[in-house]
Amino acid sequence: MKLLFCSHLDDPNEWIPELKKHMPDLEIEVWPKVADPKAIDAILVWLPPAEGGLGLFPNLKVIQSLGAGVNQLDLKSLPRHIPLARLVDPGLTTSMRDYCVWAVMRHYRGLDVHAEHQPQKKWVYYIPPPKSAVSVGVMGLGELGGNVARALVDLGFSVRGWARSPKKLEGVACFWGPEGLKDFASKTEILVCLLPLTPETRGILARPLFDMLPKGAKLINVGRGGHQVEADLLAALESGRIAAATLDVFSTEPLPPEHPFWTHPKVTVTPHVAAFGSAVTAAPVVIENLRRAVARKPLLNQVDIDRGY
């Protein structure tokens, strides 16, 4: 099998030894150096070639995204007969869980407020309520969201979850669909967005949802920048409807220097680093999907093109 590695963000020198460790006879080429496009069987990709896209490789058997999502790909342009998979590996799942736990605990303990007070030299004593009295809502209960929700349950928070379709997680009050959104949001004091970006979820973090939350709720967005309507979020922060926000994703990335999020006292900005994979932990997942593609079996984390995830 011949694999093409195609990414301007990831280092092929880290990936190639790990991939070959699990499939020694795998041939790997790195874009743009491709001897024969017709010989490429699989592609490990962040963004496809700008000119020609994946149509350059007529004999592809599998498309493996280098991201936990596939929003960077133009799904409408992808051949429907070639299976596509997201990359969800143990390292990425763990890093996302850790970031979300950190952000929830930071808001719960008031550490963001203490950080705001420090330059003002204000000594303000604050003791939080019991964790069991704080409701954390997780939007998106897939591999990543489910893992985060379970971690928050283990920490003792009252956890609620919302998804597109019915889900069951032990210790989590689950809601689903448009009809369940208001009930989910009405008691969510810290909201964590881990949704996939689809036509249905684009712009969901906006005034209609903010108005459903208890006044003074906190927002953590680690999904996609397309989920949040930034003007609505700024207005909600100014009115106090949203008390604080931790944002790892944005409509435009890198976040422009003039963007008000950079200097807003109620916003914590991180540069899309909430979750990160590792070639060491992800390579076995990629190789398993190559084997599954050859055997014409369903891929791990295979994407439904119509749903977008």
C-alpha atoms as a PDB file:
ATOM      1  CA  MET A   1       0.000   0.000   0.000  1.00  0.00           C
ATOM      2  CA  LYS A   2       1.197   3.508  -0.823  1.00  0.00           C
ATOM      3  CA  LEU A   3       0.238   6.372   1.506  1.00  0.00           C
ATOM      4  CA  LEU A   4       0.501  10.095   0.802  1.00  0.00           C
ATOM      5  CA  PHE A   5       1.185  12.379   3.779  1.00  0.00           C
ATOM      6  CA  CYS A   6      -0.278  15.816   3.066  1.00  0.00           C
ATOM      7  CA  SER A   7      -0.126  18.504   5.753  1.00  0.00           C
ATOM      8  CA  HIS A   8       1.511  21.872   6.258  1.00  0.00           C
ATOM      9  CA  LEU A   9       0.943  21.642  10.028  1.00  0.00           C
ATOM     10  CA  ASP A  10       2.282  18.198  10.883  1.00  0.00           C
ATOM     11  CA  ASP A  11       5.859  16.932  10.673  1.00  0.00           C
ATOM     12  CA  PRO A  12       6.192  13.868   8.426  1.00  0.00           C
ATOM     13  CA  ASN A  13       9.509  13.051  10.115  1.00  0.00           C
ATOM     14  CA  GLU A  14       7.572  12.342  13.301  1.00  0.00           C
ATOM     15  CA  TRP A  15       4.854  10.344  11.581  1.00  0.00           C
ATOM     16  CA  ILE A  16       6.728   8.158   9.104  1.00  0.00           C
ATOM     17  CA  PRO A  17       8.771   6.102  11.637  1.00  0.00           C
ATOM     18  CA  GLU A  18       5.678   5.522  13.790  1.00  0.00           C
ATOM     19  CA  LEU A  19       3.543   4.447  10.833  1.00  0.00           C
ATOM     20  CA  LYS A  20       6.226   2.074   9.569  1.00  0.00           C
ATOM     21  CA  LYS A  21       6.616   0.634  13.061  1.00  0.00           C
ATOM     22  CA  HIS A  22       3.094  -0.747  12.721  1.00  0.00           C
ATOM     23  CA  MET A  23       3.192  -1.512   8.971  1.00  0.00           C
ATOM     24  CA  PRO A  24       6.811  -1.987   7.852  1.00  0.00           C
ATOM     25  CA  ASP A  25       5.964  -2.545   4.181  1.00  0.00           C
ATOM     26  CA  LEU A  26       3.944   0.680   3.921  1.00  0.00           C
ATOM     27  CA  GLU A  27       5.286   3.013   1.232  1.00  0.00           C
ATOM     28  CA  ILE A  28       4.977   6.693   2.155  1.00  0.00           C
ATOM     29  CA  GLU A  29       5.365   9.768   0.001  1.00  0.00           C
ATOM     30  CA  VAL A  30       5.117  13.373   1.221  1.00  0.00           C
ATOM     31  CA  TRP A  31       3.276  16.025  -0.753  1.00  0.00           C
ATOM     32  CA  PRO A  32       4.245  17.666  -3.062  1.00  0.00           C
ATOM     33  CA  LYS A  33       6.794  14.989  -4.053  1.00  0.00           C
ATOM     34  CA  VAL A  34       4.580  12.349  -5.659  1.00  0.00           C
ATOM     35  CA  ALA A  35       6.117  10.013  -8.224  1.00  0.00           C
ATOM     36  CA  ASP A  36       2.826   8.686  -9.600  1.00  0.00           C
ATOM     37  CA  PRO A  37      -0.534  10.052  -8.383  1.00  0.00           C
ATOM     38  CA  LYS A  38      -2.275   6.950  -9.757  1.00  0.00           C
ATOM     39  CA  ALA A  39      -0.291   4.755  -7.375  1.00  0.00           C
ATOM     40  CA  ILE A  40      -1.556   6.477  -4.211  1.00  0.00           C
ATOM     41  CA  ASP A  41      -3.892   4.165  -2.270  1.00  0.00           C
ATOM     42  CA  ALA A  42      -4.454   6.247   0.877  1.00  0.00           C
ATOM     43  CA  ILE A  43      -3.990   9.810   2.041  1.00  0.00           C
ATOM     44  CA  LEU A  44      -3.275  11.087   5.545  1.00  0.00           C
ATOM     45  CA  VAL A  45      -4.353  14.679   5.193  1.00  0.00           C
ATOM     46  CA  TRP A  46      -4.991  17.968   6.899  1.00  0.00           C
ATOM     47  CA  LEU A  47      -5.683  20.034   3.763  1.00  0.00           C
ATOM     48  CA  PRO A  48      -5.626  18.471   0.285  1.00  0.00           C
ATOM     49  CA  PRO A  49      -3.598  20.051  -2.533  1.00  0.00           C
ATOM     50  CA  ALA A  50      -4.982  23.477  -3.416  1.00  0.00           C
ATOM     51  CA  GLU A  51      -4.918  22.704  -7.130  1.00  0.00           C
ATOM     52  CA  GLY A  52      -6.793  19.573  -8.078  1.00  0.00           C
ATOM     53  CA  GLY A  53      -7.613  18.438  -4.548  1.00  0.00           C
ATOM     54  CA  LEU A  54      -8.086  14.736  -3.948  1.00  0.00           C
ATOM     55  CA  GLY A  55      -9.151  14.329  -7.558  1.00  0.00           C
ATOM     56  CA  LEU A  56      -5.435  14.132  -8.362  1.00  0.00           C
ATOM     57  CA  PHE A  57      -5.419  10.595  -6.940  1.00  0.00           C
ATOM     58  CA  PRO A  58      -7.896   8.488  -8.927  1.00  0.00           C
ATOM     59  CA  ASN A  59      -7.231   5.210  -7.091  1.00  0.00           C
ATOM     60  CA  LEU A  60      -7.669   6.335  -3.484  1.00  0.00           C
ATOM     61  CA  LYS A  61      -9.159   3.710  -1.184  1.00  0.00           C
ATOM     62  CA  VAL A  62      -9.255   5.681   2.052  1.00  0.00           C
ATOM     63  CA  ILE A  63      -9.041   9.287   3.281  1.00  0.00           C
ATOM     64  CA  GLN A  64      -7.753   9.675   6.834  1.00  0.00           C
ATOM     65  CA  SER A  65      -8.056  13.153   8.328  1.00  0.00           C
ATOM     66  CA  LEU A  66      -5.261  14.372  10.572  1.00  0.00           C
ATOM     67  CA  GLY A  67      -7.846  16.218  12.658  1.00  0.00           C
ATOM     68  CA  ALA A  68     -10.436  15.138  15.183  1.00  0.00           C
ATOM     69  CA  GLY A  69     -12.910  16.821  12.859  1.00  0.00           C
ATOM     70  CA  VAL A  70     -13.197  17.175   9.105  1.00  0.00           C
ATOM     71  CA  ASN A  71     -14.415  20.762   8.877  1.00  0.00           C
ATOM     72  CA  GLN A  72     -11.177  21.778   7.181  1.00  0.00           C
ATOM     73  CA  LEU A  73     -12.185  19.593   4.227  1.00  0.00           C
ATOM     74  CA  ASP A  74     -14.749  20.506   1.590  1.00  0.00           C
ATOM     75  CA  LEU A  75     -16.984  17.492   2.123  1.00  0.00           C
ATOM     76  CA  LYS A  76     -19.146  18.278  -0.895  1.00  0.00           C
ATOM     77  CA  SER A  77     -16.126  17.836  -3.168  1.00  0.00           C
ATOM     78  CA  LEU A  78     -15.078  14.459  -1.756  1.00  0.00           C
ATOM     79  CA  PRO A  79     -15.795  11.293  -3.724  1.00  0.00           C
ATOM     80  CA  ARG A  80     -18.691   9.501  -1.992  1.00  0.00           C
ATOM     81  CA  HIS A  81     -17.293   6.025  -2.680  1.00  0.00           C
ATOM     82  CA  ILE A  82     -14.082   6.629  -0.707  1.00  0.00           C
ATOM     83  CA  PRO A  83     -14.415   6.178   3.076  1.00  0.00           C
ATOM     84  CA  LEU A  84     -13.318   9.143   5.213  1.00  0.00           C
ATOM     85  CA  ALA A  85     -12.296   8.959   8.879  1.00  0.00           C
ATOM     86  CA  ARG A  86     -11.681  11.480  11.629  1.00  0.00           C
ATOM     87  CA  LEU A  87      -8.568  10.951  13.735  1.00  0.00           C
ATOM     88  CA  VAL A  88      -9.522  10.330  17.352  1.00  0.00           C
ATOM     89  CA  ASP A  89      -6.578   8.873  19.233  1.00  0.00           C
ATOM     90  CA  PRO A  90      -6.003   8.379  22.962  1.00  0.00           C
ATOM     91  CA  GLY A  91      -3.576  11.287  23.230  1.00  0.00           C
ATOM     92  CA  LEU A  92      -5.994  13.737  21.631  1.00  0.00           C
ATOM     93  CA  THR A  93      -8.880  12.568  23.798  1.00  0.00           C
ATOM     94  CA  THR A  94      -6.790  12.929  26.952  1.00  0.00           C
ATOM     95  CA  SER A  95      -5.539  16.407  26.064  1.00  0.00           C
ATOM     96  CA  MET A  96      -9.074  17.617  25.319  1.00  0.00           C
ATOM     97  CA  ARG A  97     -10.341  16.202  28.610  1.00  0.00           C
ATOM     98  CA  ASP A  98      -7.524  17.874  30.518  1.00  0.00           C
ATOM     99  CA  TYR A  99      -8.121  21.274  28.894  1.00  0.00           C
ATOM    100  CA  CYS A 100     -11.857  21.173  29.572  1.00  0.00           C
ATOM    101  CA  VAL A 101     -11.352  20.094  33.182  1.00  0.00           C
ATOM    102  CA  TRP A 102      -8.844  22.933  33.634  1.00  0.00           C
ATOM    103  CA  ALA A 103     -11.229  25.487  32.126  1.00  0.00           C
ATOM    104  CA  VAL A 104     -14.222  24.289  34.159  1.00  0.00           C
ATOM    105  CA  MET A 105     -12.204  24.257  37.388  1.00  0.00           C
ATOM    106  CA  ARG A 106     -10.781  27.704  36.604  1.00  0.00           C
ATOM    107  CA  HIS A 107     -14.274  29.179  36.289  1.00  0.00           C
ATOM    108  CA  TYR A 108     -15.655  27.164  39.204  1.00  0.00           C
ATOM    109  CA  ARG A 109     -12.895  28.238  41.598  1.00  0.00           C
ATOM    110  CA  GLY A 110     -12.982  31.848  40.391  1.00  0.00           C
ATOM    111  CA  LEU A 111      -9.355  31.749  39.288  1.00  0.00           C
ATOM    112  CA  ASP A 112     -10.208  33.828  36.233  1.00  0.00           C
ATOM    113  CA  VAL A 113     -11.603  36.506  38.560  1.00  0.00           C
ATOM    114  CA  HIS A 114      -8.507  36.352  40.769  1.00  0.00           C
ATOM    115  CA  ALA A 115      -6.349  36.820  37.657  1.00  0.00           C
ATOM    116  CA  GLU A 116      -8.407  39.897  36.819  1.00  0.00           C
ATOM    117  CA  HIS A 117      -7.957  41.245  40.345  1.00  0.00           C
ATOM    118  CA  GLN A 118      -4.178  40.769  40.458  1.00  0.00           C
ATOM    119  CA  PRO A 119      -3.195  43.794  38.312  1.00  0.00           C
ATOM    120  CA  GLN A 120      -5.602  45.850  40.439  1.00  0.00           C
ATOM    121  CA  LYS A 121      -3.934  44.568  43.627  1.00  0.00           C
ATOM    122  CA  LYS A 122      -7.350  43.555  44.964  1.00  0.00           C
ATOM    123  CA  TRP A 123      -7.453  40.933  47.731  1.00  0.00           C
ATOM    124  CA  VAL A 124     -10.914  39.355  47.343  1.00  0.00           C
ATOM    125  CA  TYR A 125     -11.683  36.206  49.296  1.00  0.00           C
ATOM    126  CA  TYR A 126     -13.932  33.726  47.492  1.00  0.00           C
ATOM    127  CA  ILE A 127     -15.065  30.235  48.482  1.00  0.00           C
ATOM    128  CA  PRO A 128     -16.997  28.355  45.777  1.00  0.00           C
ATOM    129  CA  PRO A 129     -20.113  26.290  46.433  1.00  0.00           C
ATOM    130  CA  PRO A 130     -19.863  22.487  46.559  1.00  0.00           C
ATOM    131  CA  LYS A 131     -19.170  21.050  43.106  1.00  0.00           C
ATOM    132  CA  SER A 132     -22.358  19.029  43.337  1.00  0.00           C
ATOM    133  CA  ALA A 133     -24.277  22.315  43.410  1.00  0.00           C
ATOM    134  CA  VAL A 134     -22.708  23.528  40.144  1.00  0.00           C
ATOM    135  CA  SER A 135     -24.270  22.420  36.865  1.00  0.00           C
ATOM    136  CA  VAL A 136     -21.899  21.908  33.942  1.00  0.00           C
ATOM    137  CA  GLY A 137     -23.452  21.343  30.527  1.00  0.00           C
ATOM    138  CA  VAL A 138     -21.556  19.588  27.742  1.00  0.00           C
ATOM    139  CA  MET A 139     -22.789  20.094  24.181  1.00  0.00           C
ATOM    140  CA  GLY A 140     -21.696  17.162  22.038  1.00  0.00           C
ATOM    141  CA  LEU A 141     -21.512  13.697  23.571  1.00  0.00           C
ATOM    142  CA  GLY A 142     -19.349  11.859  21.077  1.00  0.00           C
ATOM    143  CA  GLU A 143     -15.907  10.423  21.767  1.00  0.00           C
ATOM    144  CA  LEU A 144     -14.495  13.704  23.073  1.00  0.00           C
ATOM    145  CA  GLY A 145     -17.587  15.160  24.712  1.00  0.00           C
ATOM    146  CA  GLY A 146     -18.518  11.895  26.373  1.00  0.00           C
ATOM    147  CA  ASN A 147     -15.036  11.581  27.834  1.00  0.00           C
ATOM    148  CA  VAL A 148     -15.175  15.146  29.174  1.00  0.00           C
ATOM    149  CA  ALA A 149     -18.641  14.626  30.659  1.00  0.00           C
ATOM    150  CA  ARG A 150     -17.539  11.457  32.467  1.00  0.00           C
ATOM    151  CA  ALA A 151     -14.463  13.215  33.861  1.00  0.00           C
ATOM    152  CA  LEU A 152     -16.626  16.029  35.242  1.00  0.00           C
ATOM    153  CA  VAL A 153     -18.987  13.502  36.830  1.00  0.00           C
ATOM    154  CA  ASP A 154     -16.001  11.858  38.504  1.00  0.00           C
ATOM    155  CA  LEU A 155     -14.961  15.251  39.880  1.00  0.00           C
ATOM    156  CA  GLY A 156     -18.346  15.631  41.530  1.00  0.00           C
ATOM    157  CA  PHE A 157     -20.077  18.210  39.326  1.00  0.00           C
ATOM    158  CA  SER A 158     -23.725  17.997  38.380  1.00  0.00           C
ATOM    159  CA  VAL A 159     -23.366  17.225  34.662  1.00  0.00           C
ATOM    160  CA  ARG A 160     -25.850  17.716  31.843  1.00  0.00           C
ATOM    161  CA  GLY A 161     -25.332  16.758  28.207  1.00  0.00           C
ATOM    162  CA  TRP A 162     -26.929  17.741  24.922  1.00  0.00           C
ATOM    163  CA  ALA A 163     -26.572  16.018  21.566  1.00  0.00           C
ATOM    164  CA  ARG A 164     -28.238  15.828  18.176  1.00  0.00           C
ATOM    165  CA  SER A 165     -29.709  12.395  18.935  1.00  0.00           C
ATOM    166  CA  PRO A 166     -30.494  10.465  22.144  1.00  0.00           C
ATOM    167  CA  LYS A 167     -27.502   9.463  24.276  1.00  0.00           C
ATOM    168  CA  LYS A 168     -27.086   7.691  27.589  1.00  0.00           C
ATOM    169  CA  LEU A 169     -24.132   8.300  29.887  1.00  0.00           C
ATOM    170  CA  GLU A 170     -24.036   7.170  33.480  1.00  0.00           C
ATOM    171  CA  GLY A 171     -24.345  10.097  35.871  1.00  0.00           C
ATOM    172  CA  VAL A 172     -25.186  12.575  33.085  1.00  0.00           C
ATOM    173  CA  ALA A 173     -28.641  14.108  32.567  1.00  0.00           C
ATOM    174  CA  CYS A 174     -28.962  13.815  28.788  1.00  0.00           C
ATOM    175  CA  PHE A 175     -31.030  16.001  26.463  1.00  0.00           C
ATOM    176  CA  TRP A 176     -31.222  15.921  22.692  1.00  0.00           C
ATOM    177  CA  GLY A 177     -32.525  17.651  19.627  1.00  0.00           C
ATOM    178  CA  PRO A 178     -33.963  21.155  19.267  1.00  0.00           C
ATOM    179  CA  GLU A 179     -36.793  20.255  21.626  1.00  0.00           C
ATOM    180  CA  GLY A 180     -34.352  19.434  24.447  1.00  0.00           C
ATOM    181  CA  LEU A 181     -32.093  22.464  24.106  1.00  0.00           C
ATOM    182  CA  LYS A 182     -34.029  24.861  26.347  1.00  0.00           C
ATOM    183  CA  ASP A 183     -34.329  22.377  29.221  1.00  0.00           C
ATOM    184  CA  PHE A 184     -30.639  21.569  28.893  1.00  0.00           C
ATOM    185  CA  ALA A 185     -29.556  25.216  28.877  1.00  0.00           C
ATOM    186  CA  SER A 186     -31.911  26.506  31.564  1.00  0.00           C
ATOM    187  CA  LYS A 187     -29.852  25.035  34.421  1.00  0.00           C
ATOM    188  CA  THR A 188     -26.399  25.040  32.813  1.00  0.00           C
ATOM    189  CA  GLU A 189     -24.063  27.347  34.743  1.00  0.00           C
ATOM    190  CA  ILE A 190     -20.867  26.404  32.892  1.00  0.00           C
ATOM    191  CA  LEU A 191     -21.357  25.519  29.231  1.00  0.00           C
ATOM    192  CA  VAL A 192     -18.756  23.462  27.327  1.00  0.00           C
ATOM    193  CA  CYS A 193     -19.146  23.254  23.541  1.00  0.00           C
ATOM    194  CA  LEU A 194     -17.676  20.124  21.957  1.00  0.00           C
ATOM    195  CA  LEU A 195     -20.089  19.839  19.038  1.00  0.00           C
ATOM    196  CA  PRO A 196     -19.076  18.928  15.511  1.00  0.00           C
ATOM    197  CA  LEU A 197     -19.568  21.818  13.100  1.00  0.00           C
ATOM    198  CA  THR A 198     -22.528  21.093  10.824  1.00  0.00           C
ATOM    199  CA  PRO A 199     -25.142  23.274   9.129  1.00  0.00           C
ATOM    200  CA  GLU A 200     -27.376  22.611  12.151  1.00  0.00           C
ATOM    201  CA  THR A 201     -24.780  23.612  14.763  1.00  0.00           C
ATOM    202  CA  ARG A 202     -23.163  26.543  12.960  1.00  0.00           C
ATOM    203  CA  GLY A 203     -23.862  29.711  14.954  1.00  0.00           C
ATOM    204  CA  ILE A 204     -25.486  27.830  17.840  1.00  0.00           C
ATOM    205  CA  LEU A 205     -23.513  29.824  20.430  1.00  0.00           C
ATOM    206  CA  ALA A 206     -25.569  32.956  19.895  1.00  0.00           C
ATOM    207  CA  ARG A 207     -28.120  35.170  21.616  1.00  0.00           C
ATOM    208  CA  PRO A 208     -31.041  32.690  21.479  1.00  0.00           C
ATOM    209  CA  LEU A 209     -29.004  30.095  23.383  1.00  0.00           C
ATOM    210  CA  PHE A 210     -27.372  32.653  25.693  1.00  0.00           C
ATOM    211  CA  ASP A 211     -30.830  33.877  26.693  1.00  0.00           C
ATOM    212  CA  MET A 212     -31.750  30.322  27.733  1.00  0.00           C
ATOM    213  CA  LEU A 213     -28.809  30.084  30.147  1.00  0.00           C
ATOM    214  CA  PRO A 214     -28.934  31.341  33.737  1.00  0.00           C
ATOM    215  CA  LYS A 215     -27.654  34.908  33.885  1.00  0.00           C
ATOM    216  CA  GLY A 216     -23.947  34.912  34.658  1.00  0.00           C
ATOM    217  CA  ALA A 217     -23.213  31.550  33.018  1.00  0.00           C
ATOM    218  CA  LYS A 218     -19.663  30.789  31.847  1.00  0.00           C
ATOM    219  CA  LEU A 219     -18.817  29.603  28.321  1.00  0.00           C
ATOM    220  CA  ILE A 220     -16.032  27.289  27.163  1.00  0.00           C
ATOM    221  CA  ASN A 221     -15.793  26.741  23.401  1.00  0.00           C
ATOM    222  CA  VAL A 222     -13.406  24.051  22.211  1.00  0.00           C
ATOM    223  CA  GLY A 223     -15.559  22.980  19.253  1.00  0.00           C
ATOM    224  CA  ARG A 224     -15.118  25.220  16.222  1.00  0.00           C
ATOM    225  CA  GLY A 225     -15.080  28.970  15.676  1.00  0.00           C
ATOM    226  CA  GLY A 226     -18.103  28.608  13.426  1.00  0.00           C
ATOM    227  CA  HIS A 227     -20.198  27.638  16.436  1.00  0.00           C
ATOM    228  CA  GLN A 228     -20.016  31.085  18.007  1.00  0.00           C
ATOM    229  CA  VAL A 229     -21.556  34.308  16.765  1.00  0.00           C
ATOM    230  CA  GLU A 230     -18.833  36.594  18.058  1.00  0.00           C
ATOM    231  CA  ALA A 231     -20.895  39.795  18.057  1.00  0.00           C
ATOM    232  CA  ASP A 232     -23.587  38.076  20.133  1.00  0.00           C
ATOM    233  CA  LEU A 233     -21.003  36.763  22.578  1.00  0.00           C
ATOM    234  CA  LEU A 234     -19.449  40.202  23.027  1.00  0.00           C
ATOM    235  CA  ALA A 235     -22.898  41.676  23.654  1.00  0.00           C
ATOM    236  CA  ALA A 236     -23.699  38.920  26.179  1.00  0.00           C
ATOM    237  CA  LEU A 237     -20.423  39.581  27.993  1.00  0.00           C
ATOM    238  CA  GLU A 238     -21.161  43.296  28.147  1.00  0.00           C
ATOM    239  CA  SER A 239     -24.663  42.737  29.535  1.00  0.00           C
ATOM    240  CA  GLY A 240     -23.512  40.153  32.070  1.00  0.00           C
ATOM    241  CA  ARG A 241     -25.661  37.430  30.503  1.00  0.00           C
ATOM    242  CA  ILE A 242     -22.351  35.577  30.024  1.00  0.00           C
ATOM    243  CA  ALA A 243     -19.988  36.281  32.911  1.00  0.00           C
ATOM    244  CA  ALA A 244     -16.823  34.919  31.313  1.00  0.00           C
ATOM    245  CA  ALA A 245     -15.646  32.908  28.324  1.00  0.00           C
ATOM    246  CA  THR A 246     -12.710  30.616  27.625  1.00  0.00           C
ATOM    247  CA  LEU A 247     -12.261  30.371  23.865  1.00  0.00           C
ATOM    248  CA  ASP A 248      -9.885  28.093  21.991  1.00  0.00           C
ATOM    249  CA  VAL A 249     -11.452  28.439  18.533  1.00  0.00           C
ATOM    250  CA  PHE A 250     -12.424  31.421  16.396  1.00  0.00           C
ATOM    251  CA  SER A 251     -14.076  32.341  13.121  1.00  0.00           C
ATOM    252  CA  THR A 252     -10.743  33.603  11.802  1.00  0.00           C
ATOM    253  CA  GLU A 253      -7.545  31.879  12.878  1.00  0.00           C
ATOM    254  CA  PRO A 254      -5.036  33.104  13.858  1.00  0.00           C
ATOM    255  CA  LEU A 255      -7.209  35.558  15.766  1.00  0.00           C
ATOM    256  CA  PRO A 256      -6.511  39.018  14.241  1.00  0.00           C
ATOM    257  CA  PRO A 257      -4.480  41.327  16.521  1.00  0.00           C
ATOM    258  CA  GLU A 258      -7.237  43.949  16.489  1.00  0.00           C
ATOM    259  CA  HIS A 259      -9.944  41.525  17.645  1.00  0.00           C
ATOM    260  CA  PRO A 260     -11.625  42.635  20.909  1.00  0.00           C
ATOM    261  CA  PHE A 261     -11.344  39.145  22.410  1.00  0.00           C
ATOM    262  CA  TRP A 262      -7.601  39.726  22.946  1.00  0.00           C
ATOM    263  CA  THR A 263      -8.112  42.526  25.426  1.00  0.00           C
ATOM    264  CA  HIS A 264     -11.546  41.746  26.844  1.00  0.00           C
ATOM    265  CA  PRO A 265     -11.274  41.335  30.642  1.00  0.00           C
ATOM    266  CA  LYS A 266     -13.845  38.520  30.666  1.00  0.00           C
ATOM    267  CA  VAL A 267     -12.303  36.460  27.854  1.00  0.00           C
ATOM    268  CA  THR A 268      -9.456  33.957  27.994  1.00  0.00           C
ATOM    269  CA  VAL A 269      -7.948  33.251  24.567  1.00  0.00           C
ATOM    270  CA  THR A 270      -5.920  30.147  23.721  1.00  0.00           C
ATOM    271  CA  PRO A 271      -4.669  29.532  20.150  1.00  0.00           C
ATOM    272  CA  HIS A 272      -6.576  26.353  19.174  1.00  0.00           C
ATOM    273  CA  VAL A 273      -4.481  24.147  21.447  1.00  0.00           C
ATOM    274  CA  ALA A 274      -7.166  22.429  23.541  1.00  0.00           C
ATOM    275  CA  ALA A 275      -6.515  19.034  21.980  1.00  0.00           C
ATOM    276  CA  PHE A 276      -3.493  17.662  20.236  1.00  0.00           C
ATOM    277  CA  GLY A 277      -2.630  14.264  18.928  1.00  0.00           C
ATOM    278  CA  SER A 278       0.687  12.525  18.808  1.00  0.00           C
ATOM    279  CA  ALA A 279       2.136  10.343  16.083  1.00  0.00           C
ATOM    280  CA  VAL A 280       3.034   7.818  18.767  1.00  0.00           C
ATOM    281  CA  THR A 281      -0.555   7.364  19.933  1.00  0.00           C
ATOM    282  CA  ALA A 282      -2.294   8.077  16.608  1.00  0.00           C
ATOM    283  CA  ALA A 283      -0.244   5.916  14.239  1.00  0.00           C
ATOM    284  CA  PRO A 284      -1.875   2.630  15.389  1.00  0.00           C
ATOM    285  CA  VAL A 285      -5.308   4.149  14.665  1.00  0.00           C
ATOM    286  CA  VAL A 286      -4.232   5.206  11.161  1.00  0.00           C
ATOM    287  CA  ILE A 287      -2.743   1.792  10.373  1.00  0.00           C
ATOM    288  CA  GLU A 288      -5.847   0.023  11.623  1.00  0.00           C
ATOM    289  CA  ASN A 289      -7.936   2.114   9.231  1.00  0.00           C
ATOM    290  CA  LEU A 290      -5.628   1.310   6.312  1.00  0.00           C
ATOM    291  CA  ARG A 291      -6.109  -2.381   7.050  1.00  0.00           C
ATOM    292  CA  ARG A 292      -9.852  -1.928   7.359  1.00  0.00           C
ATOM    293  CA  ALA A 293      -9.974  -0.096   4.036  1.00  0.00           C
ATOM    294  CA  VAL A 294      -8.159  -2.940   2.296  1.00  0.00           C
ATOM    295  CA  ALA A 295     -10.571  -5.433   3.885  1.00  0.00           C
ATOM    296  CA  ARG A 296     -13.529  -3.150   2.995  1.00  0.00           C
ATOM    297  CA  LYS A 297     -14.593  -2.926   6.611  1.00  0.00           C
ATOM    298  CA  PRO A 298     -16.020   0.190   8.312  1.00  0.00           C
ATOM    299  CA  LEU A 299     -13.316   2.585   9.484  1.00  0.00           C
ATOM    300  CA  LEU A 300     -12.722   3.695  13.035  1.00  0.00           C
ATOM    301  CA  ASN A 301     -14.466   7.072  13.438  1.00  0.00           C
ATOM    302  CA  GLN A 302     -15.809   6.918   9.892  1.00  0.00           C
ATOM    303  CA  VAL A 303     -17.537  10.125   8.795  1.00  0.00           C
ATOM    304  CA  ASP A 304     -21.095  10.282   7.561  1.00  0.00           C
ATOM    305  CA  ILE A 305     -20.699  12.819   4.746  1.00  0.00           C
ATOM    306  CA  ASP A 306     -24.348  13.874   4.927  1.00  0.00           C
ATOM    307  CA  ARG A 307     -24.179  14.612   8.678  1.00  0.00           C
ATOM    308  CA  GLY A 308     -20.699  16.130   8.440  1.00  0.00           C
ATOM    309  CA  TYR A 309     -19.138  14.060  11.236  1.00  0.00           C
END
